[in-house]
Amino acid sequence: MCGRYFINTLPETLAEQFIVKTPIDLASSYNVAPTHLCPVVVNDSEGQRKLIDAHWGLVPFWAKDRKIGSRMINARIETAASKPAFRAAYKRRRCVVPATGFFEWVRTSSHKVPHAIVPGDQPMFAFAGLWESWQDPQDDTLLSYTIITTEAQGPISELHHRMPVMLDASLMDPWLAGEPIDLDAVTAAAPTQQARFFPVSTAVNSVRNNYPELLEPAQA
């Protein structure tokens, strides 16, 4: 799964990699957790990419309340097209989640060690995602998203058996357009072999901590 990630980059870097208008108000977050508000890339009504801010944890349009979102932070690529919570979004509301990296925890004999995973040959990862629009009883709109996961590949498999689906630049347009996706092709093009990881401070365990030092390598 993917339960925490981070996004700390220049607005110009994000705009160039994801081909969107420069997000002037982009704020760095060193410990993105479920329910947090973050930017995702979607297609507008004319098929052009744009950034929207959405809450991590997809709330299906039919949900009675938003609490369900905390359990919908990930969707398995193997079942996203058929699972009731995700199938409508899979057909019509796909997104790409920009991330400078993400965290995974490895269990030792005494505790879990957090690791930061970063791309090796590009500024950011492009996670495949789904987004949804939900209205509460007062007709206020909540935008939310989930990150698609698949079996871990390359060095990442040393840390966990699952990982986010990582889109190569050539696959972002087909994904956003809702086209059928060949998982083998996605996996083959994913930048997993170049990814690297390193242990970081256990301070990242607390969602209240959100500062640059969280990404500094720690002694293994």
N, C-alpha and C. Protein backbone atom coordinates (compact mmCIF):
# COMPACT_ATOMS: atom_id res chain seq x y z
N MET A 1 0.84 -1.19 0.00
CA MET A 1 0.00 0.00 0.00
C MET A 1 0.88 1.25 0.00
N CYS A 2 0.25 2.37 -0.07
CA CYS A 2 0.94 3.66 0.05
C CYS A 2 0.17 4.47 1.07
N GLY A 3 0.77 4.65 2.27
CA GLY A 3 0.07 5.32 3.34
C GLY A 3 0.58 6.70 3.68
N ARG A 4 1.75 7.07 3.16
CA ARG A 4 2.32 8.40 3.36
C ARG A 4 3.20 8.73 2.15
N TYR A 5 3.21 9.99 1.77
CA TYR A 5 4.14 10.42 0.73
C TYR A 5 4.53 11.87 0.98
N PHE A 6 5.35 12.42 0.12
CA PHE A 6 5.76 13.81 0.29
C PHE A 6 5.87 14.50 -1.06
N ILE A 7 5.68 15.80 -1.04
CA ILE A 7 5.79 16.61 -2.25
C ILE A 7 6.49 17.91 -1.87
N ASN A 8 7.73 18.01 -2.29
CA ASN A 8 8.52 19.21 -2.01
C ASN A 8 9.36 19.51 -3.24
N THR A 9 8.85 20.40 -4.06
CA THR A 9 9.50 20.73 -5.31
C THR A 9 9.15 22.15 -5.71
N LEU A 10 9.87 22.70 -6.65
CA LEU A 10 9.54 24.02 -7.17
C LEU A 10 8.29 23.95 -8.03
N PRO A 11 7.43 24.95 -7.97
CA PRO A 11 6.24 24.95 -8.82
C PRO A 11 6.58 24.76 -10.30
N GLU A 12 7.69 25.37 -10.73
CA GLU A 12 8.08 25.26 -12.13
C GLU A 12 8.43 23.83 -12.52
N THR A 13 9.02 23.10 -11.58
CA THR A 13 9.39 21.71 -11.84
C THR A 13 8.15 20.85 -12.03
N LEU A 14 7.17 21.03 -11.15
CA LEU A 14 5.92 20.28 -11.28
C LEU A 14 5.22 20.64 -12.58
N ALA A 15 5.17 21.93 -12.90
CA ALA A 15 4.49 22.37 -14.11
C ALA A 15 5.13 21.77 -15.36
N GLU A 16 6.45 21.69 -15.38
CA GLU A 16 7.15 21.16 -16.55
C GLU A 16 6.95 19.66 -16.70
N GLN A 17 7.06 18.92 -15.61
CA GLN A 17 6.95 17.47 -15.70
C GLN A 17 5.52 17.02 -16.02
N PHE A 18 4.53 17.72 -15.46
CA PHE A 18 3.15 17.28 -15.63
C PHE A 18 2.36 18.09 -16.65
N ILE A 19 3.04 19.04 -17.27
CA ILE A 19 2.46 19.86 -18.35
C ILE A 19 1.16 20.51 -17.88
N VAL A 20 1.27 21.26 -16.82
CA VAL A 20 0.12 22.00 -16.29
C VAL A 20 0.57 23.43 -16.03
N LYS A 21 -0.40 24.31 -15.82
CA LYS A 21 -0.09 25.69 -15.49
C LYS A 21 0.67 25.75 -14.17
N THR A 22 1.67 26.61 -14.10
CA THR A 22 2.49 26.71 -12.90
C THR A 22 1.64 26.98 -11.66
N PRO A 23 1.71 26.08 -10.68
CA PRO A 23 0.93 26.28 -9.44
C PRO A 23 1.64 27.25 -8.51
N ILE A 24 1.31 28.51 -8.62
CA ILE A 24 2.01 29.55 -7.87
C ILE A 24 1.95 29.29 -6.36
N ASP A 25 0.82 28.77 -5.87
CA ASP A 25 0.63 28.62 -4.44
C ASP A 25 0.99 27.22 -3.94
N LEU A 26 1.78 26.47 -4.71
CA LEU A 26 2.16 25.13 -4.29
C LEU A 26 2.95 25.18 -2.99
N ALA A 27 2.48 24.44 -2.01
CA ALA A 27 3.16 24.40 -0.71
C ALA A 27 3.78 23.02 -0.51
N SER A 28 5.00 22.98 0.01
CA SER A 28 5.66 21.71 0.27
C SER A 28 5.00 21.01 1.45
N SER A 29 4.92 19.68 1.37
CA SER A 29 4.45 18.88 2.49
C SER A 29 5.37 17.67 2.59
N TYR A 30 5.99 17.51 3.74
CA TYR A 30 7.00 16.47 3.94
C TYR A 30 6.42 15.21 4.57
N ASN A 31 5.13 15.20 4.80
CA ASN A 31 4.51 14.05 5.45
C ASN A 31 3.02 14.04 5.13
N VAL A 32 2.69 13.83 3.87
CA VAL A 32 1.29 13.80 3.45
C VAL A 32 0.63 12.54 4.00
N ALA A 33 -0.48 12.73 4.69
CA ALA A 33 -1.21 11.62 5.30
C ALA A 33 -2.66 11.62 4.81
N PRO A 34 -3.36 10.52 4.97
CA PRO A 34 -4.77 10.46 4.59
C PRO A 34 -5.58 11.61 5.17
N THR A 35 -6.49 12.12 4.38
CA THR A 35 -7.38 13.26 4.61
C THR A 35 -6.73 14.60 4.31
N HIS A 36 -5.39 14.63 4.13
CA HIS A 36 -4.73 15.89 3.81
C HIS A 36 -5.14 16.38 2.42
N LEU A 37 -5.09 17.69 2.23
CA LEU A 37 -5.43 18.33 0.96
C LEU A 37 -4.16 18.49 0.13
N CYS A 38 -4.15 17.93 -1.10
CA CYS A 38 -2.97 17.98 -1.95
C CYS A 38 -3.36 18.15 -3.41
N PRO A 39 -2.41 18.61 -4.26
CA PRO A 39 -2.71 18.79 -5.68
C PRO A 39 -2.68 17.48 -6.44
N VAL A 40 -3.62 17.32 -7.37
CA VAL A 40 -3.63 16.19 -8.29
C VAL A 40 -3.92 16.74 -9.69
N VAL A 41 -3.48 16.01 -10.70
CA VAL A 41 -3.67 16.41 -12.09
C VAL A 41 -4.87 15.67 -12.66
N VAL A 42 -5.79 16.42 -13.29
CA VAL A 42 -6.96 15.84 -13.93
C VAL A 42 -7.12 16.47 -15.31
N ASN A 43 -8.00 15.89 -16.12
CA ASN A 43 -8.38 16.50 -17.38
C ASN A 43 -9.61 17.37 -17.18
N ASP A 44 -9.62 18.55 -17.79
CA ASP A 44 -10.81 19.39 -17.73
C ASP A 44 -11.82 18.93 -18.78
N SER A 45 -12.90 19.65 -18.95
CA SER A 45 -13.96 19.24 -19.87
C SER A 45 -13.50 19.21 -21.32
N GLU A 46 -12.40 19.89 -21.61
CA GLU A 46 -11.87 19.92 -22.98
C GLU A 46 -10.69 18.98 -23.16
N GLY A 47 -10.42 18.17 -22.15
CA GLY A 47 -9.33 17.20 -22.26
C GLY A 47 -7.96 17.78 -22.00
N GLN A 48 -7.92 18.97 -21.40
CA GLN A 48 -6.64 19.59 -21.08
C GLN A 48 -6.31 19.37 -19.60
N ARG A 49 -5.04 19.20 -19.31
CA ARG A 49 -4.64 18.95 -17.93
C ARG A 49 -4.78 20.20 -17.06
N LYS A 50 -5.19 19.97 -15.82
CA LYS A 50 -5.24 21.05 -14.85
C LYS A 50 -4.99 20.47 -13.46
N LEU A 51 -4.60 21.32 -12.54
CA LEU A 51 -4.40 20.92 -11.15
C LEU A 51 -5.64 21.25 -10.34
N ILE A 52 -6.02 20.32 -9.47
CA ILE A 52 -7.06 20.61 -8.49
C ILE A 52 -6.53 20.19 -7.12
N ASP A 53 -7.06 20.77 -6.08
CA ASP A 53 -6.73 20.34 -4.71
C ASP A 53 -7.82 19.39 -4.24
N ALA A 54 -7.39 18.24 -3.73
CA ALA A 54 -8.34 17.23 -3.28
C ALA A 54 -7.83 16.56 -2.02
N HIS A 55 -8.75 15.96 -1.28
CA HIS A 55 -8.40 15.28 -0.04
C HIS A 55 -8.05 13.82 -0.33
N TRP A 56 -6.96 13.37 0.31
CA TRP A 56 -6.53 11.99 0.10
C TRP A 56 -7.43 11.04 0.88
N GLY A 57 -8.07 10.15 0.14
CA GLY A 57 -9.04 9.22 0.70
C GLY A 57 -10.35 9.39 -0.04
N LEU A 58 -10.58 8.58 -1.07
CA LEU A 58 -11.71 8.79 -1.96
C LEU A 58 -13.04 8.55 -1.26
N VAL A 59 -13.95 9.52 -1.41
CA VAL A 59 -15.31 9.40 -0.90
C VAL A 59 -16.23 9.18 -2.10
N PRO A 60 -16.77 7.97 -2.28
CA PRO A 60 -17.65 7.71 -3.43
C PRO A 60 -18.84 8.65 -3.45
N PHE A 61 -19.34 8.94 -4.65
CA PHE A 61 -20.44 9.89 -4.77
C PHE A 61 -21.68 9.43 -4.03
N TRP A 62 -21.80 8.11 -3.81
CA TRP A 62 -22.99 7.58 -3.15
C TRP A 62 -22.84 7.45 -1.63
N ALA A 63 -21.68 7.83 -1.10
CA ALA A 63 -21.44 7.66 0.34
C ALA A 63 -22.38 8.51 1.17
N LYS A 64 -22.76 8.02 2.35
CA LYS A 64 -23.63 8.75 3.25
C LYS A 64 -22.87 9.83 4.01
N ASP A 65 -21.58 9.59 4.29
CA ASP A 65 -20.75 10.61 4.93
C ASP A 65 -19.31 10.44 4.47
N ARG A 66 -18.48 11.41 4.79
CA ARG A 66 -17.11 11.44 4.29
C ARG A 66 -16.16 10.54 5.07
N LYS A 67 -16.60 9.95 6.16
CA LYS A 67 -15.71 9.14 6.97
C LYS A 67 -15.16 7.93 6.22
N ILE A 68 -15.89 7.47 5.21
CA ILE A 68 -15.44 6.32 4.45
C ILE A 68 -14.11 6.58 3.75
N GLY A 69 -13.81 7.86 3.49
CA GLY A 69 -12.59 8.22 2.77
C GLY A 69 -11.32 7.76 3.45
N SER A 70 -11.30 7.70 4.76
CA SER A 70 -10.09 7.29 5.48
C SER A 70 -9.73 5.85 5.20
N ARG A 71 -10.68 5.06 4.68
CA ARG A 71 -10.43 3.67 4.33
C ARG A 71 -10.20 3.47 2.84
N MET A 72 -10.23 4.56 2.08
CA MET A 72 -10.14 4.49 0.63
C MET A 72 -8.93 5.24 0.09
N ILE A 73 -7.81 5.13 0.80
CA ILE A 73 -6.62 5.87 0.36
C ILE A 73 -5.91 5.16 -0.80
N ASN A 74 -6.12 3.85 -0.93
CA ASN A 74 -5.52 3.07 -2.01
C ASN A 74 -6.58 2.23 -2.71
N ALA A 75 -6.36 2.00 -4.00
CA ALA A 75 -7.21 1.09 -4.77
C ALA A 75 -6.29 0.14 -5.53
N ARG A 76 -6.54 -1.13 -5.42
CA ARG A 76 -5.72 -2.13 -6.12
C ARG A 76 -6.02 -2.10 -7.61
N ILE A 77 -4.97 -2.04 -8.43
CA ILE A 77 -5.17 -2.00 -9.88
C ILE A 77 -5.91 -3.23 -10.37
N GLU A 78 -5.75 -4.34 -9.65
CA GLU A 78 -6.39 -5.58 -10.07
C GLU A 78 -7.91 -5.54 -9.94
N THR A 79 -8.44 -4.69 -9.04
CA THR A 79 -9.88 -4.69 -8.78
C THR A 79 -10.53 -3.31 -8.89
N ALA A 80 -9.77 -2.28 -9.20
CA ALA A 80 -10.31 -0.91 -9.22
C ALA A 80 -11.44 -0.74 -10.22
N ALA A 81 -11.38 -1.46 -11.34
CA ALA A 81 -12.39 -1.31 -12.37
C ALA A 81 -13.73 -1.93 -11.99
N SER A 82 -13.73 -2.82 -11.00
CA SER A 82 -14.96 -3.52 -10.65
C SER A 82 -15.46 -3.25 -9.24
N LYS A 83 -14.61 -2.79 -8.34
CA LYS A 83 -15.02 -2.56 -6.96
C LYS A 83 -15.99 -1.38 -6.90
N PRO A 84 -17.14 -1.54 -6.23
CA PRO A 84 -18.16 -0.48 -6.22
C PRO A 84 -17.65 0.90 -5.83
N ALA A 85 -16.72 0.97 -4.89
CA ALA A 85 -16.24 2.28 -4.43
C ALA A 85 -15.44 3.01 -5.50
N PHE A 86 -14.88 2.28 -6.46
CA PHE A 86 -13.94 2.89 -7.40
C PHE A 86 -14.35 2.81 -8.87
N ARG A 87 -15.28 1.92 -9.24
CA ARG A 87 -15.49 1.64 -10.65
C ARG A 87 -16.00 2.84 -11.45
N ALA A 88 -16.83 3.69 -10.86
CA ALA A 88 -17.30 4.87 -11.59
C ALA A 88 -16.14 5.83 -11.85
N ALA A 89 -15.32 6.06 -10.83
CA ALA A 89 -14.16 6.94 -11.00
C ALA A 89 -13.16 6.35 -11.98
N TYR A 90 -13.00 5.02 -11.96
CA TYR A 90 -12.06 4.37 -12.88
C TYR A 90 -12.46 4.64 -14.33
N LYS A 91 -13.75 4.69 -14.60
CA LYS A 91 -14.22 4.92 -15.96
C LYS A 91 -14.14 6.39 -16.37
N ARG A 92 -14.42 7.31 -15.43
CA ARG A 92 -14.64 8.70 -15.82
C ARG A 92 -13.77 9.73 -15.11
N ARG A 93 -13.15 9.38 -13.99
CA ARG A 93 -12.46 10.40 -13.20
C ARG A 93 -11.10 9.87 -12.73
N ARG A 94 -10.20 9.78 -13.65
CA ARG A 94 -8.84 9.37 -13.30
C ARG A 94 -7.99 10.61 -13.05
N CYS A 95 -6.95 10.43 -12.27
CA CYS A 95 -6.05 11.54 -11.98
C CYS A 95 -4.62 11.02 -11.90
N VAL A 96 -3.69 11.95 -11.83
CA VAL A 96 -2.28 11.65 -11.60
C VAL A 96 -1.86 12.41 -10.36
N VAL A 97 -1.22 11.70 -9.45
CA VAL A 97 -0.81 12.29 -8.17
C VAL A 97 0.69 12.58 -8.20
N PRO A 98 1.10 13.86 -8.24
CA PRO A 98 2.53 14.19 -8.19
C PRO A 98 3.10 13.92 -6.80
N ALA A 99 4.26 13.29 -6.75
CA ALA A 99 4.91 13.01 -5.46
C ALA A 99 6.42 13.04 -5.64
N THR A 100 7.11 13.71 -4.76
CA THR A 100 8.57 13.70 -4.79
C THR A 100 9.09 12.36 -4.28
N GLY A 101 8.28 11.67 -3.49
CA GLY A 101 8.65 10.36 -2.97
C GLY A 101 7.58 9.87 -2.03
N PHE A 102 7.79 8.69 -1.48
CA PHE A 102 6.83 8.16 -0.52
C PHE A 102 7.55 7.36 0.56
N PHE A 103 6.83 7.04 1.60
CA PHE A 103 7.41 6.32 2.74
C PHE A 103 6.90 4.89 2.80
N GLU A 104 7.77 4.01 3.26
CA GLU A 104 7.37 2.64 3.56
C GLU A 104 8.11 2.20 4.80
N TRP A 105 7.50 1.29 5.57
CA TRP A 105 8.06 0.85 6.85
C TRP A 105 8.50 -0.60 6.76
N VAL A 106 9.67 -0.88 7.30
CA VAL A 106 10.22 -2.24 7.32
C VAL A 106 10.32 -2.70 8.76
N ARG A 107 9.75 -3.86 9.04
CA ARG A 107 9.77 -4.38 10.41
C ARG A 107 11.10 -5.06 10.72
N THR A 108 11.68 -4.70 11.84
CA THR A 108 12.87 -5.37 12.36
C THR A 108 12.43 -6.25 13.54
N SER A 109 13.38 -6.78 14.24
CA SER A 109 13.03 -7.63 15.39
C SER A 109 12.36 -6.85 16.51
N SER A 110 12.58 -5.54 16.55
CA SER A 110 12.06 -4.75 17.66
C SER A 110 11.10 -3.63 17.28
N HIS A 111 11.17 -3.15 16.04
CA HIS A 111 10.32 -2.03 15.66
C HIS A 111 10.28 -1.91 14.14
N LYS A 112 9.51 -0.93 13.66
CA LYS A 112 9.43 -0.66 12.23
C LYS A 112 10.30 0.55 11.89
N VAL A 113 11.06 0.42 10.80
CA VAL A 113 11.96 1.49 10.37
C VAL A 113 11.37 2.16 9.14
N PRO A 114 11.07 3.46 9.20
CA PRO A 114 10.55 4.15 8.02
C PRO A 114 11.65 4.40 6.99
N HIS A 115 11.30 4.25 5.73
CA HIS A 115 12.21 4.52 4.63
C HIS A 115 11.56 5.50 3.65
N ALA A 116 12.35 6.40 3.12
CA ALA A 116 11.90 7.29 2.05
C ALA A 116 12.31 6.68 0.72
N ILE A 117 11.39 6.66 -0.23
CA ILE A 117 11.64 6.11 -1.56
C ILE A 117 11.52 7.26 -2.55
N VAL A 118 12.57 7.47 -3.34
CA VAL A 118 12.61 8.60 -4.27
C VAL A 118 12.97 8.11 -5.67
N PRO A 119 12.56 8.85 -6.71
CA PRO A 119 12.91 8.47 -8.08
C PRO A 119 14.38 8.71 -8.33
N GLY A 120 14.96 7.92 -9.21
CA GLY A 120 16.38 8.06 -9.47
C GLY A 120 16.72 8.88 -10.69
N ASP A 121 15.79 8.98 -11.65
CA ASP A 121 16.14 9.64 -12.91
C ASP A 121 15.14 10.71 -13.33
N GLN A 122 14.29 11.15 -12.43
CA GLN A 122 13.34 12.22 -12.73
C GLN A 122 13.01 12.94 -11.44
N PRO A 123 12.51 14.17 -11.54
CA PRO A 123 12.27 14.93 -10.30
C PRO A 123 11.20 14.33 -9.41
N MET A 124 10.14 13.77 -10.03
CA MET A 124 8.99 13.33 -9.24
C MET A 124 8.41 12.04 -9.79
N PHE A 125 7.69 11.32 -8.93
CA PHE A 125 6.87 10.20 -9.36
C PHE A 125 5.53 10.74 -9.86
N ALA A 126 4.91 10.00 -10.76
CA ALA A 126 3.55 10.29 -11.22
C ALA A 126 2.69 9.07 -10.87
N PHE A 127 2.00 9.13 -9.74
CA PHE A 127 1.18 8.01 -9.31
C PHE A 127 -0.16 8.02 -10.04
N ALA A 128 -0.61 6.87 -10.50
CA ALA A 128 -1.95 6.76 -11.05
C ALA A 128 -2.97 6.86 -9.92
N GLY A 129 -4.03 7.60 -10.15
CA GLY A 129 -5.05 7.76 -9.13
C GLY A 129 -6.44 7.90 -9.71
N LEU A 130 -7.42 7.95 -8.83
CA LEU A 130 -8.82 8.20 -9.18
C LEU A 130 -9.32 9.32 -8.29
N TRP A 131 -10.24 10.12 -8.82
CA TRP A 131 -10.78 11.19 -8.00
C TRP A 131 -12.31 11.17 -8.05
N GLU A 132 -12.90 11.83 -7.10
CA GLU A 132 -14.36 11.83 -6.99
C GLU A 132 -14.84 13.14 -6.41
N SER A 133 -16.06 13.49 -6.77
CA SER A 133 -16.73 14.67 -6.22
C SER A 133 -17.94 14.20 -5.41
N TRP A 134 -18.01 14.65 -4.16
CA TRP A 134 -19.08 14.23 -3.26
C TRP A 134 -19.72 15.45 -2.62
N GLN A 135 -21.04 15.40 -2.45
CA GLN A 135 -21.74 16.51 -1.82
C GLN A 135 -22.33 16.08 -0.48
N ASP A 136 -22.13 16.93 0.52
CA ASP A 136 -22.68 16.63 1.83
C ASP A 136 -24.13 17.13 1.89
N PRO A 137 -24.84 16.86 2.98
CA PRO A 137 -26.25 17.27 3.07
C PRO A 137 -26.48 18.77 2.92
N GLN A 138 -25.44 19.56 3.15
CA GLN A 138 -25.56 21.02 2.99
C GLN A 138 -25.18 21.47 1.59
N ASP A 139 -24.96 20.49 0.68
CA ASP A 139 -24.59 20.74 -0.72
C ASP A 139 -23.20 21.34 -0.88
N ASP A 140 -22.35 21.17 0.14
CA ASP A 140 -20.95 21.53 -0.01
C ASP A 140 -20.23 20.39 -0.73
N THR A 141 -19.31 20.75 -1.62
CA THR A 141 -18.63 19.75 -2.44
C THR A 141 -17.27 19.39 -1.86
N LEU A 142 -16.99 18.10 -1.81
CA LEU A 142 -15.69 17.59 -1.38
C LEU A 142 -15.05 16.86 -2.54
N LEU A 143 -13.84 17.27 -2.93
CA LEU A 143 -13.06 16.56 -3.92
C LEU A 143 -12.07 15.65 -3.20
N SER A 144 -11.98 14.41 -3.64
CA SER A 144 -11.11 13.45 -2.97
C SER A 144 -10.47 12.53 -4.00
N TYR A 145 -9.43 11.81 -3.57
CA TYR A 145 -8.72 10.93 -4.50
C TYR A 145 -8.15 9.72 -3.78
N THR A 146 -7.80 8.72 -4.57
CA THR A 146 -7.13 7.53 -4.07
C THR A 146 -5.94 7.24 -4.98
N ILE A 147 -4.95 6.55 -4.44
CA ILE A 147 -3.75 6.17 -5.21
C ILE A 147 -3.86 4.70 -5.58
N ILE A 148 -3.65 4.41 -6.86
CA ILE A 148 -3.70 3.04 -7.37
C ILE A 148 -2.41 2.31 -6.98
N THR A 149 -2.53 1.06 -6.53
CA THR A 149 -1.34 0.28 -6.18
C THR A 149 -1.27 -1.00 -7.01
N THR A 150 -0.06 -1.55 -7.07
CA THR A 150 0.20 -2.79 -7.79
C THR A 150 1.27 -3.57 -7.05
N GLU A 151 1.66 -4.72 -7.57
CA GLU A 151 2.74 -5.49 -6.96
C GLU A 151 4.04 -4.72 -7.06
N ALA A 152 4.83 -4.75 -6.02
CA ALA A 152 6.10 -4.02 -6.00
C ALA A 152 7.08 -4.61 -7.00
N GLN A 153 7.86 -3.71 -7.61
CA GLN A 153 8.85 -4.10 -8.60
C GLN A 153 10.21 -3.50 -8.24
N GLY A 154 11.26 -4.10 -8.74
CA GLY A 154 12.59 -3.55 -8.57
C GLY A 154 13.00 -3.42 -7.11
N PRO A 155 13.83 -2.43 -6.79
CA PRO A 155 14.32 -2.26 -5.42
C PRO A 155 13.21 -2.07 -4.39
N ILE A 156 12.08 -1.53 -4.82
CA ILE A 156 10.99 -1.27 -3.87
C ILE A 156 10.47 -2.56 -3.25
N SER A 157 10.57 -3.66 -3.99
CA SER A 157 10.08 -4.94 -3.48
C SER A 157 10.86 -5.42 -2.26
N GLU A 158 12.03 -4.83 -2.01
CA GLU A 158 12.79 -5.17 -0.81
C GLU A 158 12.12 -4.62 0.45
N LEU A 159 11.25 -3.62 0.27
CA LEU A 159 10.62 -2.96 1.40
C LEU A 159 9.19 -3.44 1.64
N HIS A 160 8.45 -3.66 0.56
CA HIS A 160 7.03 -3.99 0.69
C HIS A 160 6.58 -4.73 -0.55
N HIS A 161 5.48 -5.48 -0.43
CA HIS A 161 4.99 -6.26 -1.56
C HIS A 161 4.07 -5.46 -2.48
N ARG A 162 3.68 -4.24 -2.06
CA ARG A 162 2.86 -3.37 -2.90
C ARG A 162 3.54 -2.03 -3.07
N MET A 163 3.17 -1.32 -4.13
CA MET A 163 3.68 0.02 -4.38
C MET A 163 2.67 0.79 -5.22
N PRO A 164 2.78 2.12 -5.27
CA PRO A 164 1.90 2.89 -6.16
C PRO A 164 2.19 2.55 -7.62
N VAL A 165 1.15 2.61 -8.44
CA VAL A 165 1.34 2.49 -9.89
C VAL A 165 2.01 3.78 -10.36
N MET A 166 3.18 3.64 -10.98
CA MET A 166 3.96 4.80 -11.41
C MET A 166 3.87 4.93 -12.93
N LEU A 167 3.40 6.07 -13.38
CA LEU A 167 3.16 6.28 -14.80
C LEU A 167 4.36 6.94 -15.47
N ASP A 168 4.81 6.34 -16.55
CA ASP A 168 5.77 6.99 -17.43
C ASP A 168 5.08 8.16 -18.12
N ALA A 169 5.84 9.15 -18.54
CA ALA A 169 5.26 10.34 -19.18
C ALA A 169 4.38 9.98 -20.37
N SER A 170 4.76 8.94 -21.12
CA SER A 170 4.01 8.56 -22.31
C SER A 170 2.65 7.95 -21.98
N LEU A 171 2.44 7.56 -20.73
CA LEU A 171 1.20 6.89 -20.35
C LEU A 171 0.24 7.80 -19.57
N MET A 172 0.67 9.02 -19.28
CA MET A 172 -0.19 9.90 -18.50
C MET A 172 -1.43 10.32 -19.27
N ASP A 173 -1.27 10.65 -20.55
CA ASP A 173 -2.44 11.05 -21.34
C ASP A 173 -3.46 9.92 -21.48
N PRO A 174 -3.04 8.70 -21.86
CA PRO A 174 -4.02 7.61 -21.94
C PRO A 174 -4.71 7.34 -20.60
N TRP A 175 -3.95 7.42 -19.53
CA TRP A 175 -4.56 7.18 -18.21
C TRP A 175 -5.61 8.23 -17.91
N LEU A 176 -5.27 9.50 -18.07
CA LEU A 176 -6.20 10.58 -17.76
C LEU A 176 -7.44 10.54 -18.65
N ALA A 177 -7.26 10.06 -19.88
CA ALA A 177 -8.38 10.01 -20.83
C ALA A 177 -9.31 8.83 -20.57
N GLY A 178 -8.94 7.95 -19.65
CA GLY A 178 -9.80 6.82 -19.34
C GLY A 178 -9.65 5.64 -20.29
N GLU A 179 -8.55 5.60 -21.03
CA GLU A 179 -8.35 4.51 -21.97
C GLU A 179 -7.99 3.22 -21.24
N PRO A 180 -8.28 2.07 -21.86
CA PRO A 180 -7.87 0.79 -21.25
C PRO A 180 -6.36 0.77 -21.04
N ILE A 181 -5.94 0.24 -19.92
CA ILE A 181 -4.53 0.24 -19.56
C ILE A 181 -4.00 -1.18 -19.49
N ASP A 182 -2.89 -1.42 -20.18
CA ASP A 182 -2.20 -2.70 -20.12
C ASP A 182 -1.25 -2.65 -18.93
N LEU A 183 -1.56 -3.39 -17.89
CA LEU A 183 -0.76 -3.34 -16.67
C LEU A 183 0.68 -3.74 -16.93
N ASP A 184 0.89 -4.71 -17.81
CA ASP A 184 2.26 -5.12 -18.13
C ASP A 184 3.04 -3.98 -18.75
N ALA A 185 2.38 -3.21 -19.63
CA ALA A 185 3.05 -2.07 -20.27
C ALA A 185 3.36 -0.98 -19.24
N VAL A 186 2.42 -0.76 -18.33
CA VAL A 186 2.64 0.24 -17.28
C VAL A 186 3.81 -0.16 -16.40
N THR A 187 3.84 -1.44 -16.03
CA THR A 187 4.91 -1.94 -15.16
C THR A 187 6.25 -1.86 -15.85
N ALA A 188 6.30 -2.21 -17.13
CA ALA A 188 7.56 -2.20 -17.87
C ALA A 188 8.13 -0.80 -18.00
N ALA A 189 7.24 0.21 -18.10
CA ALA A 189 7.70 1.59 -18.29
C ALA A 189 7.90 2.33 -16.97
N ALA A 190 7.47 1.75 -15.87
CA ALA A 190 7.56 2.43 -14.57
C ALA A 190 9.01 2.62 -14.16
N PRO A 191 9.32 3.78 -13.55
CA PRO A 191 10.70 4.08 -13.16
C PRO A 191 11.10 3.40 -11.85
N THR A 192 10.86 2.10 -11.76
CA THR A 192 11.13 1.41 -10.50
C THR A 192 12.58 0.98 -10.35
N GLN A 193 13.22 0.62 -11.45
CA GLN A 193 14.60 0.12 -11.36
C GLN A 193 15.55 1.22 -10.90
N GLN A 194 15.22 2.48 -11.21
CA GLN A 194 16.09 3.59 -10.82
C GLN A 194 15.76 4.15 -9.43
N ALA A 195 14.64 3.71 -8.88
CA ALA A 195 14.24 4.23 -7.57
C ALA A 195 15.26 3.82 -6.50
N ARG A 196 15.42 4.68 -5.53
CA ARG A 196 16.32 4.35 -4.43
C ARG A 196 15.62 4.67 -3.12
N PHE A 197 16.10 4.07 -2.04
CA PHE A 197 15.47 4.30 -0.75
C PHE A 197 16.52 4.37 0.34
N PHE A 198 16.13 4.97 1.47
CA PHE A 198 17.04 5.11 2.61
C PHE A 198 16.21 5.29 3.87
N PRO A 199 16.73 4.84 5.01
CA PRO A 199 15.99 4.99 6.26
C PRO A 199 15.94 6.45 6.69
N VAL A 200 14.84 6.81 7.35
CA VAL A 200 14.66 8.16 7.86
C VAL A 200 14.21 8.09 9.32
N SER A 201 14.11 9.24 9.95
CA SER A 201 13.76 9.31 11.36
C SER A 201 12.35 8.78 11.62
N THR A 202 12.18 8.15 12.78
CA THR A 202 10.85 7.68 13.19
C THR A 202 9.91 8.85 13.50
N ALA A 203 10.42 10.06 13.45
CA ALA A 203 9.54 11.23 13.65
C ALA A 203 8.46 11.28 12.59
N VAL A 204 8.72 10.66 11.44
CA VAL A 204 7.72 10.65 10.37
C VAL A 204 6.49 9.84 10.76
N ASN A 205 6.62 9.01 11.77
CA ASN A 205 5.48 8.21 12.21
C ASN A 205 4.29 9.06 12.64
N SER A 206 4.56 10.22 13.16
CA SER A 206 3.50 11.11 13.62
C SER A 206 3.07 12.05 12.50
N VAL A 207 1.80 12.08 12.19
CA VAL A 207 1.31 12.96 11.13
C VAL A 207 1.42 14.43 11.52
N ARG A 208 1.63 14.69 12.81
CA ARG A 208 1.79 16.08 13.25
C ARG A 208 3.13 16.66 12.83
N ASN A 209 4.10 15.79 12.52
CA ASN A 209 5.42 16.27 12.11
C ASN A 209 5.46 16.48 10.61
N ASN A 210 5.85 17.67 10.21
CA ASN A 210 5.87 18.01 8.79
C ASN A 210 6.93 19.09 8.56
N TYR A 211 8.17 18.63 8.38
CA TYR A 211 9.27 19.58 8.19
C TYR A 211 10.38 18.89 7.38
N PRO A 212 11.27 19.65 6.75
CA PRO A 212 12.26 19.11 5.81
C PRO A 212 13.16 18.05 6.41
N GLU A 213 13.47 18.14 7.70
CA GLU A 213 14.41 17.20 8.32
C GLU A 213 13.88 15.76 8.31
N LEU A 214 12.59 15.59 8.09
CA LEU A 214 12.03 14.23 8.01
C LEU A 214 12.63 13.44 6.86
N LEU A 215 13.16 14.13 5.86
CA LEU A 215 13.68 13.46 4.67
C LEU A 215 15.19 13.25 4.72
N GLU A 216 15.80 13.61 5.84
CA GLU A 216 17.23 13.39 5.97
C GLU A 216 17.52 11.92 6.27
N PRO A 217 18.53 11.33 5.61
CA PRO A 217 18.87 9.91 5.88
C PRO A 217 19.23 9.71 7.34
N ALA A 218 18.75 8.61 7.90
CA ALA A 218 19.05 8.25 9.27
C ALA A 218 19.92 7.01 9.28
N GLN A 219 20.57 6.78 10.39
CA GLN A 219 21.38 5.59 10.52
C GLN A 219 20.49 4.34 10.48
N ALA A 220 20.86 3.36 9.67
CA ALA A 220 20.05 2.16 9.53
C ALA A 220 19.97 1.42 10.85
